[in-house]
């Protein structure tokens, strides 16, 4: 295990324990979320070594890389994804002029394929071997394993990271690399959970978006702004991801009640997801997309 001694954003060595939780999806191992006493950034510490973290992704419940529609939850996930992919495409169409996209953490490539079919020049980065091979077969082009393997510089009009930033071990190094691939005045879209949301306050150590230990960082809006300002990049807008509140609340209810599936869990998950969205103001939704302009 690796102890994080410095804040990932401001580099302060001063921190406090925010909460103790565990990995609910695989082995119930305990993990700690710390909070920087200087900038309020939260982060997981200690962490498994980078070459050991893979075991925590090896779960049938980690569905972002799978195409299965087996079961109610997977069916709902794919229905929502059908809607959100189109919403994401509308967003990149507003900020992109040349129609050249790099998707970092491309999963099973559904978003990349959709954008490609709309006439965009697309490329991707995906660490998982099976998912990457599937994308390469679908798109007919080589997909990089890491951002460093993609050798293009100042090429992309838009770069997207859909729920990826919270997973990367070399946070600032990867941001610097990504900035180098983005055109001047290009746009980076980053989606991450928001630990200042109403559902985090309700569920706390059962909040599924902590997703320990694979979520290394736990952002508030100001943390994202402070982080990217260090790279001369500016958050110019924040968009809510309202569907995420329902998913996160549903999973949190499962963890809190110790059951996988029950009618009561589904009802409560939907209800508290709705409450979270209703109580959210700008910058307080369960998950959010940060529109970041490269200067």
C-alpha atoms as a PDB file:
ATOM      1  CA  UNK A   1       0.000   0.000   0.000  1.00  0.00           C
ATOM      2  CA  UNK A   2       1.156   3.522  -0.816  1.00  0.00           C
ATOM      3  CA  UNK A   3       0.643   6.366   1.630  1.00  0.00           C
ATOM      4  CA  UNK A   4      -0.198   9.705  -0.002  1.00  0.00           C
ATOM      5  CA  UNK A   5       1.743  12.307   1.954  1.00  0.00           C
ATOM      6  CA  UNK A   6       1.006  15.378  -0.197  1.00  0.00           C
ATOM      7  CA  UNK A   7      -2.289  16.817  -1.393  1.00  0.00           C
ATOM      8  CA  UNK A   8      -2.746  16.006  -5.104  1.00  0.00           C
ATOM      9  CA  UNK A   9      -3.842  19.601  -5.797  1.00  0.00           C
ATOM     10  CA  UNK A  10      -1.940  22.017  -3.553  1.00  0.00           C
ATOM     11  CA  UNK A  11       0.865  19.693  -2.393  1.00  0.00           C
ATOM     12  CA  UNK A  12       0.246  20.431   1.300  1.00  0.00           C
ATOM     13  CA  UNK A  13       1.333  17.776   3.794  1.00  0.00           C
ATOM     14  CA  UNK A  14      -1.388  18.723   6.266  1.00  0.00           C
ATOM     15  CA  UNK A  15      -4.521  16.578   6.208  1.00  0.00           C
ATOM     16  CA  UNK A  16      -7.226  15.042   8.384  1.00  0.00           C
ATOM     17  CA  UNK A  17      -9.261  11.869   8.104  1.00  0.00           C
ATOM     18  CA  UNK A  18     -12.598  12.680   6.481  1.00  0.00           C
ATOM     19  CA  UNK A  19     -14.058   9.182   6.781  1.00  0.00           C
ATOM     20  CA  UNK A  20     -13.307   5.489   6.924  1.00  0.00           C
ATOM     21  CA  UNK A  21     -15.067   3.293   4.376  1.00  0.00           C
ATOM     22  CA  UNK A  22     -14.406   0.124   2.393  1.00  0.00           C
ATOM     23  CA  UNK A  23     -14.463  -1.533  -0.995  1.00  0.00           C
ATOM     24  CA  UNK A  24     -18.061  -2.708  -1.277  1.00  0.00           C
ATOM     25  CA  UNK A  25     -17.923  -4.348  -4.694  1.00  0.00           C
ATOM     26  CA  UNK A  26     -15.271  -7.027  -4.232  1.00  0.00           C
ATOM     27  CA  UNK A  27     -13.631  -7.732  -0.890  1.00  0.00           C
ATOM     28  CA  UNK A  28     -14.871  -5.281   1.778  1.00  0.00           C
ATOM     29  CA  UNK A  29     -11.311  -4.118   2.533  1.00  0.00           C
ATOM     30  CA  UNK A  30     -11.195  -0.878   4.541  1.00  0.00           C
ATOM     31  CA  UNK A  31      -9.860   2.356   3.048  1.00  0.00           C
ATOM     32  CA  UNK A  32      -9.520   5.931   4.267  1.00  0.00           C
ATOM     33  CA  UNK A  33     -10.550   9.190   2.635  1.00  0.00           C
ATOM     34  CA  UNK A  34      -8.390  12.098   3.777  1.00  0.00           C
ATOM     35  CA  UNK A  35      -9.065  15.806   3.371  1.00  0.00           C
ATOM     36  CA  UNK A  36      -6.423  18.439   2.819  1.00  0.00           C
ATOM     37  CA  UNK A  37      -6.720  21.058   5.554  1.00  0.00           C
ATOM     38  CA  UNK A  38      -5.380  23.706   3.178  1.00  0.00           C
ATOM     39  CA  UNK A  39      -7.509  23.385   0.010  1.00  0.00           C
ATOM     40  CA  UNK A  40     -10.189  20.824   1.133  1.00  0.00           C
ATOM     41  CA  UNK A  41      -9.267  18.333  -1.601  1.00  0.00           C
ATOM     42  CA  UNK A  42     -10.170  14.767  -0.607  1.00  0.00           C
ATOM     43  CA  UNK A  43      -8.150  11.743  -1.635  1.00  0.00           C
ATOM     44  CA  UNK A  44      -7.818   8.043  -0.878  1.00  0.00           C
ATOM     45  CA  UNK A  45      -4.837   7.045   1.242  1.00  0.00           C
ATOM     46  CA  UNK A  46      -3.187   4.608   1.494  1.00  0.00           C
ATOM     47  CA  UNK A  47      -3.618   3.186  -2.006  1.00  0.00           C
ATOM     48  CA  UNK A  48      -2.817  -0.159  -3.616  1.00  0.00           C
ATOM     49  CA  UNK A  49       0.240   0.010  -5.843  1.00  0.00           C
ATOM     50  CA  UNK A  50      -0.559   0.877  -9.455  1.00  0.00           C
ATOM     51  CA  UNK A  51       0.225  -2.678 -10.582  1.00  0.00           C
ATOM     52  CA  UNK A  52      -2.198  -4.059  -7.973  1.00  0.00           C
ATOM     53  CA  UNK A  53      -5.239  -1.828  -8.542  1.00  0.00           C
ATOM     54  CA  UNK A  54      -6.518  -3.990 -11.414  1.00  0.00           C
ATOM     55  CA  UNK A  55      -8.077  -6.546  -9.080  1.00  0.00           C
ATOM     56  CA  UNK A  56     -10.555  -3.905  -7.900  1.00  0.00           C
ATOM     57  CA  UNK A  57     -11.871  -3.457 -11.444  1.00  0.00           C
ATOM     58  CA  UNK A  58     -12.391  -7.209 -11.911  1.00  0.00           C
ATOM     59  CA  UNK A  59     -16.064  -7.198 -11.007  1.00  0.00           C
ATOM     60  CA  UNK A  60     -19.233  -7.916 -12.949  1.00  0.00           C
ATOM     61  CA  UNK A  61     -20.635  -4.825 -11.215  1.00  0.00           C
ATOM     62  CA  UNK A  62     -18.151  -2.579 -13.021  1.00  0.00           C
ATOM     63  CA  UNK A  63     -20.314  -2.174 -16.105  1.00  0.00           C
ATOM     64  CA  UNK A  64     -18.823   0.784 -17.976  1.00  0.00           C
ATOM     65  CA  UNK A  65     -16.610  -1.588 -19.998  1.00  0.00           C
ATOM     66  CA  UNK A  66     -19.241  -4.218 -20.765  1.00  0.00           C
ATOM     67  CA  UNK A  67     -21.993  -4.545 -23.313  1.00  0.00           C
ATOM     68  CA  UNK A  68     -24.201  -6.876 -21.299  1.00  0.00           C
ATOM     69  CA  UNK A  69     -27.851  -5.957 -20.786  1.00  0.00           C
ATOM     70  CA  UNK A  70     -28.537  -8.832 -18.409  1.00  0.00           C
ATOM     71  CA  UNK A  71     -30.618  -7.769 -15.413  1.00  0.00           C
ATOM     72  CA  UNK A  72     -32.636  -4.642 -14.655  1.00  0.00           C
ATOM     73  CA  UNK A  73     -29.678  -2.464 -13.643  1.00  0.00           C
ATOM     74  CA  UNK A  74     -27.687  -3.209 -16.788  1.00  0.00           C
ATOM     75  CA  UNK A  75     -30.781  -2.616 -18.927  1.00  0.00           C
ATOM     76  CA  UNK A  76     -31.393   0.745 -17.263  1.00  0.00           C
ATOM     77  CA  UNK A  77     -27.705   1.635 -17.591  1.00  0.00           C
ATOM     78  CA  UNK A  78     -27.777   1.101 -21.340  1.00  0.00           C
ATOM     79  CA  UNK A  79     -31.036   3.024 -21.737  1.00  0.00           C
ATOM     80  CA  UNK A  80     -29.560   5.984 -19.887  1.00  0.00           C
ATOM     81  CA  UNK A  81     -26.306   5.704 -21.809  1.00  0.00           C
ATOM     82  CA  UNK A  82     -28.282   5.967 -25.071  1.00  0.00           C
ATOM     83  CA  UNK A  83     -29.570   9.344 -23.854  1.00  0.00           C
ATOM     84  CA  UNK A  84     -26.337  10.636 -22.317  1.00  0.00           C
ATOM     85  CA  UNK A  85     -24.197   9.836 -25.356  1.00  0.00           C
ATOM     86  CA  UNK A  86     -26.383  12.117 -27.420  1.00  0.00           C
ATOM     87  CA  UNK A  87     -26.210  14.794 -24.746  1.00  0.00           C
ATOM     88  CA  UNK A  88     -22.415  14.544 -24.697  1.00  0.00           C
ATOM     89  CA  UNK A  89     -22.310  14.787 -28.480  1.00  0.00           C
ATOM     90  CA  UNK A  90     -24.378  17.980 -28.415  1.00  0.00           C
ATOM     91  CA  UNK A  91     -21.915  19.414 -25.912  1.00  0.00           C
ATOM     92  CA  UNK A  92     -18.780  18.609 -27.928  1.00  0.00           C
ATOM     93  CA  UNK A  93     -20.508  19.975 -31.039  1.00  0.00           C
ATOM     94  CA  UNK A  94     -20.950  23.324 -29.285  1.00  0.00           C
ATOM     95  CA  UNK A  95     -17.305  23.620 -28.237  1.00  0.00           C
ATOM     96  CA  UNK A  96     -15.582  21.871 -31.155  1.00  0.00           C
ATOM     97  CA  UNK A  97     -14.889  23.632 -34.453  1.00  0.00           C
ATOM     98  CA  UNK A  98     -12.616  21.306 -36.421  1.00  0.00           C
ATOM     99  CA  UNK A  99     -14.326  18.084 -35.294  1.00  0.00           C
ATOM    100  CA  UNK A 100     -11.258  16.247 -34.074  1.00  0.00           C
ATOM    101  CA  UNK A 101     -11.720  14.373 -30.782  1.00  0.00           C
ATOM    102  CA  UNK A 102      -9.580  12.371 -28.376  1.00  0.00           C
ATOM    103  CA  UNK A 103     -11.507  10.327 -25.791  1.00  0.00           C
ATOM    104  CA  UNK A 104      -9.288   9.397 -22.836  1.00  0.00           C
ATOM    105  CA  UNK A 105     -10.592   6.314 -21.049  1.00  0.00           C
ATOM    106  CA  UNK A 106     -12.783   5.214 -23.922  1.00  0.00           C
ATOM    107  CA  UNK A 107     -14.302   2.172 -22.183  1.00  0.00           C
ATOM    108  CA  UNK A 108     -15.940  -0.092 -24.738  1.00  0.00           C
ATOM    109  CA  UNK A 109     -15.880   2.656 -27.359  1.00  0.00           C
ATOM    110  CA  UNK A 110     -19.607   3.350 -27.675  1.00  0.00           C
ATOM    111  CA  UNK A 111     -19.136   7.124 -27.447  1.00  0.00           C
ATOM    112  CA  UNK A 112     -16.199   7.117 -29.867  1.00  0.00           C
ATOM    113  CA  UNK A 113     -18.127   5.056 -32.389  1.00  0.00           C
ATOM    114  CA  UNK A 114     -21.184   7.329 -32.135  1.00  0.00           C
ATOM    115  CA  UNK A 115     -19.087  10.463 -32.687  1.00  0.00           C
ATOM    116  CA  UNK A 116     -17.227   8.809 -35.570  1.00  0.00           C
ATOM    117  CA  UNK A 117     -20.524   8.009 -37.276  1.00  0.00           C
ATOM    118  CA  UNK A 118     -21.391  11.715 -37.015  1.00  0.00           C
ATOM    119  CA  UNK A 119     -18.409  12.553 -39.207  1.00  0.00           C
ATOM    120  CA  UNK A 120     -15.795  13.434 -36.593  1.00  0.00           C
ATOM    121  CA  UNK A 121     -12.147  12.404 -36.780  1.00  0.00           C
ATOM    122  CA  UNK A 122     -11.802  10.437 -33.539  1.00  0.00           C
ATOM    123  CA  UNK A 123      -9.115   8.714 -31.541  1.00  0.00           C
ATOM    124  CA  UNK A 124      -9.018   7.162 -28.109  1.00  0.00           C
ATOM    125  CA  UNK A 125      -6.987   5.989 -25.152  1.00  0.00           C
ATOM    126  CA  UNK A 126      -7.982   2.850 -23.259  1.00  0.00           C
ATOM    127  CA  UNK A 127      -5.941   0.871 -20.738  1.00  0.00           C
ATOM    128  CA  UNK A 128      -8.085  -2.292 -20.664  1.00  0.00           C
ATOM    129  CA  UNK A 129      -6.821  -4.775 -23.276  1.00  0.00           C
ATOM    130  CA  UNK A 130     -10.196  -6.341 -24.099  1.00  0.00           C
ATOM    131  CA  UNK A 131     -11.978  -3.012 -24.441  1.00  0.00           C
ATOM    132  CA  UNK A 132      -9.161  -1.529 -26.518  1.00  0.00           C
ATOM    133  CA  UNK A 133      -9.208  -4.500 -28.915  1.00  0.00           C
ATOM    134  CA  UNK A 134     -12.963  -4.100 -29.332  1.00  0.00           C
ATOM    135  CA  UNK A 135     -12.590  -0.401 -30.190  1.00  0.00           C
ATOM    136  CA  UNK A 136      -9.804  -1.110 -32.666  1.00  0.00           C
ATOM    137  CA  UNK A 137     -11.950  -3.710 -34.418  1.00  0.00           C
ATOM    138  CA  UNK A 138     -14.953  -1.372 -34.535  1.00  0.00           C
ATOM    139  CA  UNK A 139     -13.131   1.768 -35.688  1.00  0.00           C
ATOM    140  CA  UNK A 140     -10.438   0.075 -37.733  1.00  0.00           C
ATOM    141  CA  UNK A 141      -7.615   2.083 -36.193  1.00  0.00           C
ATOM    142  CA  UNK A 142      -4.964   1.709 -33.494  1.00  0.00           C
ATOM    143  CA  UNK A 143      -5.980   2.920 -30.033  1.00  0.00           C
ATOM    144  CA  UNK A 144      -3.339   4.041 -27.528  1.00  0.00           C
ATOM    145  CA  UNK A 145      -2.978   2.298 -24.173  1.00  0.00           C
ATOM    146  CA  UNK A 146      -2.008   5.462 -22.254  1.00  0.00           C
ATOM    147  CA  UNK A 147      -1.990   9.188 -23.007  1.00  0.00           C
ATOM    148  CA  UNK A 148       1.779   8.993 -23.442  1.00  0.00           C
ATOM    149  CA  UNK A 149       1.372   6.360 -26.182  1.00  0.00           C
ATOM    150  CA  UNK A 150      -0.708   8.800 -28.230  1.00  0.00           C
ATOM    151  CA  UNK A 151       2.018  10.846 -29.907  1.00  0.00           C
ATOM    152  CA  UNK A 152      -0.017  13.669 -31.453  1.00  0.00           C
ATOM    153  CA  UNK A 153       0.719  17.201 -30.228  1.00  0.00           C
ATOM    154  CA  UNK A 154      -1.643  20.212 -30.333  1.00  0.00           C
ATOM    155  CA  UNK A 155      -3.901  18.253 -32.643  1.00  0.00           C
ATOM    156  CA  UNK A 156      -7.248  17.983 -30.903  1.00  0.00           C
ATOM    157  CA  UNK A 157     -10.116  20.411 -30.907  1.00  0.00           C
ATOM    158  CA  UNK A 158     -11.807  18.545 -28.047  1.00  0.00           C
ATOM    159  CA  UNK A 159     -10.526  16.030 -25.505  1.00  0.00           C
ATOM    160  CA  UNK A 160     -12.956  14.168 -23.254  1.00  0.00           C
ATOM    161  CA  UNK A 161     -12.454  12.361 -19.952  1.00  0.00           C
ATOM    162  CA  UNK A 162     -15.762  10.824 -18.870  1.00  0.00           C
ATOM    163  CA  UNK A 163     -15.260   9.673 -15.259  1.00  0.00           C
ATOM    164  CA  UNK A 164     -11.556   9.056 -15.785  1.00  0.00           C
ATOM    165  CA  UNK A 165      -9.657  11.787 -13.939  1.00  0.00           C
ATOM    166  CA  UNK A 166     -10.448  10.304 -10.520  1.00  0.00           C
ATOM    167  CA  UNK A 167      -8.709   7.054 -11.555  1.00  0.00           C
ATOM    168  CA  UNK A 168      -5.290   8.205 -12.802  1.00  0.00           C
ATOM    169  CA  UNK A 169      -2.196   7.698 -10.654  1.00  0.00           C
ATOM    170  CA  UNK A 170      -0.007  10.304 -12.337  1.00  0.00           C
ATOM    171  CA  UNK A 171      -2.546  13.108 -12.032  1.00  0.00           C
ATOM    172  CA  UNK A 172      -0.541  16.224 -12.835  1.00  0.00           C
ATOM    173  CA  UNK A 173       1.781  14.475 -15.261  1.00  0.00           C
ATOM    174  CA  UNK A 174      -1.191  13.189 -17.268  1.00  0.00           C
ATOM    175  CA  UNK A 175      -2.903  16.591 -17.256  1.00  0.00           C
ATOM    176  CA  UNK A 176       0.279  18.174 -18.619  1.00  0.00           C
ATOM    177  CA  UNK A 177       0.444  15.519 -21.334  1.00  0.00           C
ATOM    178  CA  UNK A 178      -3.204  16.014 -22.234  1.00  0.00           C
ATOM    179  CA  UNK A 179      -2.772  19.789 -22.391  1.00  0.00           C
ATOM    180  CA  UNK A 180       0.032  19.244 -24.899  1.00  0.00           C
ATOM    181  CA  UNK A 181      -2.356  17.371 -27.199  1.00  0.00           C
ATOM    182  CA  UNK A 182      -5.019  20.081 -27.078  1.00  0.00           C
ATOM    183  CA  UNK A 183      -5.026  22.980 -29.493  1.00  0.00           C
ATOM    184  CA  UNK A 184      -4.707  26.502 -28.146  1.00  0.00           C
ATOM    185  CA  UNK A 185      -8.236  27.563 -27.165  1.00  0.00           C
ATOM    186  CA  UNK A 186      -9.273  23.899 -27.426  1.00  0.00           C
ATOM    187  CA  UNK A 187     -11.658  22.384 -24.890  1.00  0.00           C
ATOM    188  CA  UNK A 188     -11.189  19.618 -22.341  1.00  0.00           C
ATOM    189  CA  UNK A 189     -14.382  18.074 -20.944  1.00  0.00           C
ATOM    190  CA  UNK A 190     -13.934  16.351 -17.578  1.00  0.00           C
ATOM    191  CA  UNK A 191     -16.727  14.459 -15.816  1.00  0.00           C
ATOM    192  CA  UNK A 192     -16.181  13.530 -12.165  1.00  0.00           C
ATOM    193  CA  UNK A 193     -18.335  12.814  -9.091  1.00  0.00           C
ATOM    194  CA  UNK A 194     -18.884  15.747  -6.750  1.00  0.00           C
ATOM    195  CA  UNK A 195     -18.218  15.093  -3.066  1.00  0.00           C
ATOM    196  CA  UNK A 196     -19.993  18.359  -2.185  1.00  0.00           C
ATOM    197  CA  UNK A 197     -23.330  16.939  -3.390  1.00  0.00           C
ATOM    198  CA  UNK A 198     -26.427  16.310  -1.301  1.00  0.00           C
ATOM    199  CA  UNK A 199     -26.217  12.540  -1.787  1.00  0.00           C
ATOM    200  CA  UNK A 200     -22.641  12.485  -0.423  1.00  0.00           C
ATOM    201  CA  UNK A 201     -23.885  14.241   2.708  1.00  0.00           C
ATOM    202  CA  UNK A 202     -26.677  11.705   3.068  1.00  0.00           C
ATOM    203  CA  UNK A 203     -24.689   8.502   2.524  1.00  0.00           C
ATOM    204  CA  UNK A 204     -21.197   9.549   3.690  1.00  0.00           C
ATOM    205  CA  UNK A 205     -19.107   6.359   4.083  1.00  0.00           C
ATOM    206  CA  UNK A 206     -21.711   4.418   2.054  1.00  0.00           C
ATOM    207  CA  UNK A 207     -21.610   6.936  -0.803  1.00  0.00           C
ATOM    208  CA  UNK A 208     -20.927   4.744  -3.814  1.00  0.00           C
ATOM    209  CA  UNK A 209     -19.110   7.475  -5.762  1.00  0.00           C
ATOM    210  CA  UNK A 210     -16.200   7.243  -3.329  1.00  0.00           C
ATOM    211  CA  UNK A 211     -15.720   3.820  -4.974  1.00  0.00           C
ATOM    212  CA  UNK A 212     -12.670   2.933  -2.911  1.00  0.00           C
ATOM    213  CA  UNK A 213      -9.929   2.399  -3.801  1.00  0.00           C
ATOM    214  CA  UNK A 214     -10.278   2.873  -7.578  1.00  0.00           C
ATOM    215  CA  UNK A 215     -11.329   6.490  -7.137  1.00  0.00           C
ATOM    216  CA  UNK A 216      -8.081   8.033  -6.003  1.00  0.00           C
ATOM    217  CA  UNK A 217      -9.398  11.608  -5.804  1.00  0.00           C
ATOM    218  CA  UNK A 218     -12.692  13.102  -4.684  1.00  0.00           C
ATOM    219  CA  UNK A 219     -13.336  16.527  -6.164  1.00  0.00           C
ATOM    220  CA  UNK A 220     -15.353  19.578  -5.254  1.00  0.00           C
ATOM    221  CA  UNK A 221     -15.834  22.232  -7.973  1.00  0.00           C
ATOM    222  CA  UNK A 222     -13.211  24.545  -6.493  1.00  0.00           C
ATOM    223  CA  UNK A 223     -10.683  21.686  -6.408  1.00  0.00           C
ATOM    224  CA  UNK A 224     -11.126  21.178 -10.158  1.00  0.00           C
ATOM    225  CA  UNK A 225     -10.721  24.902 -10.811  1.00  0.00           C
ATOM    226  CA  UNK A 226      -7.594  25.110  -8.640  1.00  0.00           C
ATOM    227  CA  UNK A 227      -6.044  22.019 -10.235  1.00  0.00           C
ATOM    228  CA  UNK A 228      -6.406  23.114 -13.861  1.00  0.00           C
ATOM    229  CA  UNK A 229      -5.440  26.717 -13.135  1.00  0.00           C
ATOM    230  CA  UNK A 230      -1.952  25.336 -12.433  1.00  0.00           C
ATOM    231  CA  UNK A 231      -1.776  24.358 -16.110  1.00  0.00           C
ATOM    232  CA  UNK A 232      -3.080  27.673 -17.449  1.00  0.00           C
ATOM    233  CA  UNK A 233      -6.470  26.113 -18.134  1.00  0.00           C
ATOM    234  CA  UNK A 234      -9.772  27.645 -17.059  1.00  0.00           C
ATOM    235  CA  UNK A 235     -13.100  26.098 -16.062  1.00  0.00           C
ATOM    236  CA  UNK A 236     -15.547  28.166 -18.118  1.00  0.00           C
ATOM    237  CA  UNK A 237     -18.732  26.198 -17.416  1.00  0.00           C
ATOM    238  CA  UNK A 238     -20.104  23.358 -15.287  1.00  0.00           C
ATOM    239  CA  UNK A 239     -22.840  21.039 -16.555  1.00  0.00           C
ATOM    240  CA  UNK A 240     -24.890  18.701 -14.315  1.00  0.00           C
ATOM    241  CA  UNK A 241     -25.104  14.945 -14.907  1.00  0.00           C
ATOM    242  CA  UNK A 242     -28.517  14.432 -13.359  1.00  0.00           C
ATOM    243  CA  UNK A 243     -28.863  10.740 -14.179  1.00  0.00           C
ATOM    244  CA  UNK A 244     -25.797  10.000 -12.052  1.00  0.00           C
ATOM    245  CA  UNK A 245     -27.631  11.002  -8.863  1.00  0.00           C
ATOM    246  CA  UNK A 246     -30.090   8.121  -9.326  1.00  0.00           C
ATOM    247  CA  UNK A 247     -27.371   5.568 -10.055  1.00  0.00           C
ATOM    248  CA  UNK A 248     -25.166   6.699  -7.177  1.00  0.00           C
ATOM    249  CA  UNK A 249     -28.081   6.783  -4.722  1.00  0.00           C
ATOM    250  CA  UNK A 250     -29.228   3.318  -5.800  1.00  0.00           C
ATOM    251  CA  UNK A 251     -25.769   1.823  -5.320  1.00  0.00           C
ATOM    252  CA  UNK A 252     -25.377   3.657  -2.011  1.00  0.00           C
ATOM    253  CA  UNK A 253     -28.670   2.223  -0.770  1.00  0.00           C
ATOM    254  CA  UNK A 254     -27.388  -1.263  -1.620  1.00  0.00           C
ATOM    255  CA  UNK A 255     -24.225  -0.677   0.374  1.00  0.00           C
ATOM    256  CA  UNK A 256     -26.053   0.896   3.299  1.00  0.00           C
ATOM    257  CA  UNK A 257     -28.645  -1.882   3.564  1.00  0.00           C
ATOM    258  CA  UNK A 258     -26.370  -4.784   2.677  1.00  0.00           C
ATOM    259  CA  UNK A 259     -28.623  -6.064  -0.103  1.00  0.00           C
ATOM    260  CA  UNK A 260     -28.072  -6.312  -3.835  1.00  0.00           C
ATOM    261  CA  UNK A 261     -31.591  -6.072  -5.157  1.00  0.00           C
ATOM    262  CA  UNK A 262     -34.933  -5.317  -3.577  1.00  0.00           C
ATOM    263  CA  UNK A 263     -37.925  -3.206  -4.448  1.00  0.00           C
ATOM    264  CA  UNK A 264     -37.311  -1.013  -1.414  1.00  0.00           C
ATOM    265  CA  UNK A 265     -33.733  -0.302  -2.499  1.00  0.00           C
ATOM    266  CA  UNK A 266     -34.873   0.697  -5.998  1.00  0.00           C
ATOM    267  CA  UNK A 267     -37.572   2.987  -4.639  1.00  0.00           C
ATOM    268  CA  UNK A 268     -35.256   4.645  -2.128  1.00  0.00           C
ATOM    269  CA  UNK A 269     -32.466   4.974  -4.696  1.00  0.00           C
ATOM    270  CA  UNK A 270     -34.762   6.726  -7.156  1.00  0.00           C
ATOM    271  CA  UNK A 271     -36.308   8.917  -4.448  1.00  0.00           C
ATOM    272  CA  UNK A 272     -33.046  10.122  -2.927  1.00  0.00           C
ATOM    273  CA  UNK A 273     -31.542  10.619  -6.382  1.00  0.00           C
ATOM    274  CA  UNK A 274     -34.471  12.882  -7.155  1.00  0.00           C
ATOM    275  CA  UNK A 275     -34.042  14.737  -3.856  1.00  0.00           C
ATOM    276  CA  UNK A 276     -30.342  15.220  -4.579  1.00  0.00           C
ATOM    277  CA  UNK A 277     -31.115  16.795  -7.955  1.00  0.00           C
ATOM    278  CA  UNK A 278     -33.846  18.991  -6.514  1.00  0.00           C
ATOM    279  CA  UNK A 279     -31.570  20.259  -3.744  1.00  0.00           C
ATOM    280  CA  UNK A 280     -28.626  20.839  -6.077  1.00  0.00           C
ATOM    281  CA  UNK A 281     -27.652  24.304  -7.138  1.00  0.00           C
ATOM    282  CA  UNK A 282     -25.008  25.147  -9.698  1.00  0.00           C
ATOM    283  CA  UNK A 283     -21.880  23.242  -8.732  1.00  0.00           C
ATOM    284  CA  UNK A 284     -23.630  20.876  -6.316  1.00  0.00           C
ATOM    285  CA  UNK A 285     -24.908  18.024  -8.497  1.00  0.00           C
ATOM    286  CA  UNK A 286     -23.897  14.438  -7.821  1.00  0.00           C
ATOM    287  CA  UNK A 287     -21.656  14.334 -10.896  1.00  0.00           C
ATOM    288  CA  UNK A 288     -20.692  17.217 -13.139  1.00  0.00           C
ATOM    289  CA  UNK A 289     -19.006  17.970 -16.433  1.00  0.00           C
ATOM    290  CA  UNK A 290     -16.353  20.682 -16.299  1.00  0.00           C
ATOM    291  CA  UNK A 291     -15.848  22.603 -19.540  1.00  0.00           C
ATOM    292  CA  UNK A 292     -12.179  23.591 -19.447  1.00  0.00           C
ATOM    293  CA  UNK A 293     -10.589  25.960 -21.946  1.00  0.00           C
ATOM    294  CA  UNK A 294      -6.930  25.696 -22.865  1.00  0.00           C
ATOM    295  CA  UNK A 295      -5.216  29.087 -22.886  1.00  0.00           C
END
